[in-house]
Amino acid sequence: MPTSRPRHAITETDAVTAALDAAARKWPEDRDRPARLLTHLVEVGFHAIEVELDEASLARRQALDDFAGSFTGVYWPGYLEEIREGWRE
């Protein structure tokens, strides 16, 4: 089918064959359409990665929230101005 979008070639390695076999069991209506099975696999993989990245992002934010304020009171008022006095312009 004509398209203006980039196309990608993929070699059917043992892992790709196993993935296609599993995809054919999941989407039997596309059993004889390997390109469609690969599209399903890419979509599912993309979703899994997005969820994983979102979870990692949430974990990082939680860590930052847990750490926030842990140095409150360590430095006295005017501390920053005092150390800047020794800096050259």
Protein backbone atom coordinates (compact mmCIF):
# COMPACT_ATOMS: atom_id res chain seq x y z
CA MET A 1 0.00 0.00 0.00
CA PRO A 2 1.44 3.41 -0.95
CA THR A 3 2.40 5.67 1.92
CA SER A 4 4.45 8.78 2.51
CA ARG A 5 5.50 7.50 5.93
CA PRO A 6 8.81 5.75 6.62
CA ARG A 7 8.82 1.98 6.41
CA HIS A 8 10.92 -0.33 8.57
CA ALA A 9 12.29 -3.76 7.79
CA ILE A 10 12.55 -6.40 10.49
CA THR A 11 14.29 -9.74 10.36
CA GLU A 12 12.33 -12.64 11.77
CA THR A 13 14.71 -13.81 14.46
CA ASP A 14 13.74 -16.54 16.93
CA ALA A 15 12.48 -13.86 19.33
CA VAL A 16 10.42 -12.17 16.60
CA THR A 17 8.97 -15.55 15.57
CA ALA A 18 8.00 -16.28 19.17
CA ALA A 19 6.43 -12.82 19.50
CA LEU A 20 4.46 -13.29 16.27
CA ASP A 21 3.24 -16.71 17.45
CA ALA A 22 2.05 -15.20 20.73
CA ALA A 23 0.46 -12.28 18.90
CA ALA A 24 -1.38 -14.69 16.59
CA ARG A 25 -2.87 -16.39 19.65
CA LYS A 26 -3.87 -13.02 21.11
CA TRP A 27 -5.26 -11.62 17.83
CA PRO A 28 -6.34 -14.68 15.81
CA GLU A 29 -8.19 -12.49 13.29
CA ASP A 30 -4.76 -11.21 12.16
CA ARG A 31 -3.01 -14.60 12.21
CA ASP A 32 -2.17 -14.39 8.49
CA ARG A 33 -1.15 -10.72 8.60
CA PRO A 34 2.31 -10.51 10.22
CA ALA A 35 2.58 -6.77 9.61
CA ARG A 36 -0.66 -6.24 11.54
CA LEU A 37 0.56 -8.53 14.33
CA LEU A 38 3.77 -6.50 14.55
CA THR A 39 1.70 -3.33 14.76
CA HIS A 40 -0.27 -4.82 17.66
CA LEU A 41 2.99 -5.76 19.39
CA VAL A 42 4.42 -2.27 18.92
CA GLU A 43 1.26 -0.67 20.31
CA VAL A 44 1.21 -2.93 23.36
CA GLY A 45 4.95 -2.47 23.91
CA PHE A 46 4.61 1.30 23.62
CA HIS A 47 1.84 1.30 26.21
CA ALA A 48 3.92 -0.83 28.59
CA ILE A 49 6.91 1.48 28.24
CA GLU A 50 4.77 4.58 28.78
CA VAL A 51 3.34 3.06 31.99
CA GLU A 52 6.83 2.13 33.17
CA LEU A 53 8.17 5.62 32.44
CA ASP A 54 5.21 7.23 34.21
CA GLU A 55 5.78 5.03 37.25
CA ALA A 56 9.50 5.91 37.29
CA SER A 57 8.65 9.59 37.03
CA LEU A 58 6.19 9.31 39.91
CA ALA A 59 8.80 7.49 42.00
CA ARG A 60 11.36 10.24 41.33
CA ARG A 61 8.83 12.92 42.27
CA GLN A 62 7.93 11.06 45.44
CA ALA A 63 11.62 10.81 46.34
CA LEU A 64 12.02 14.55 45.79
CA ASP A 65 8.92 15.28 47.86
CA ASP A 66 10.25 13.03 50.63
CA PHE A 67 13.62 14.85 50.54
CA ALA A 68 12.18 18.37 50.25
CA GLY A 69 12.70 20.44 53.35
CA SER A 70 15.16 18.04 54.94
CA PHE A 71 17.76 20.83 55.23
CA THR A 72 15.35 23.37 56.68
CA GLY A 73 17.03 25.13 59.58
CA VAL A 74 20.56 23.99 58.68
CA TYR A 75 21.48 27.44 57.39
CA TRP A 76 20.76 30.56 59.41
CA PRO A 77 19.08 33.68 58.06
CA GLY A 78 21.54 35.76 56.04
CA TYR A 79 23.87 32.79 55.42
CA LEU A 80 23.86 33.22 51.65
CA GLU A 81 24.59 36.94 51.84
CA GLU A 82 27.47 36.26 54.24
CA ILE A 83 29.23 33.80 51.96
CA ARG A 84 28.67 36.02 48.95
CA GLU A 85 30.56 38.84 50.68
CA GLY A 86 33.78 36.92 50.10
CA TRP A 87 33.13 36.47 46.37
CA ARG A 88 34.77 38.64 43.78
CA GLU A 89 32.49 40.51 41.42
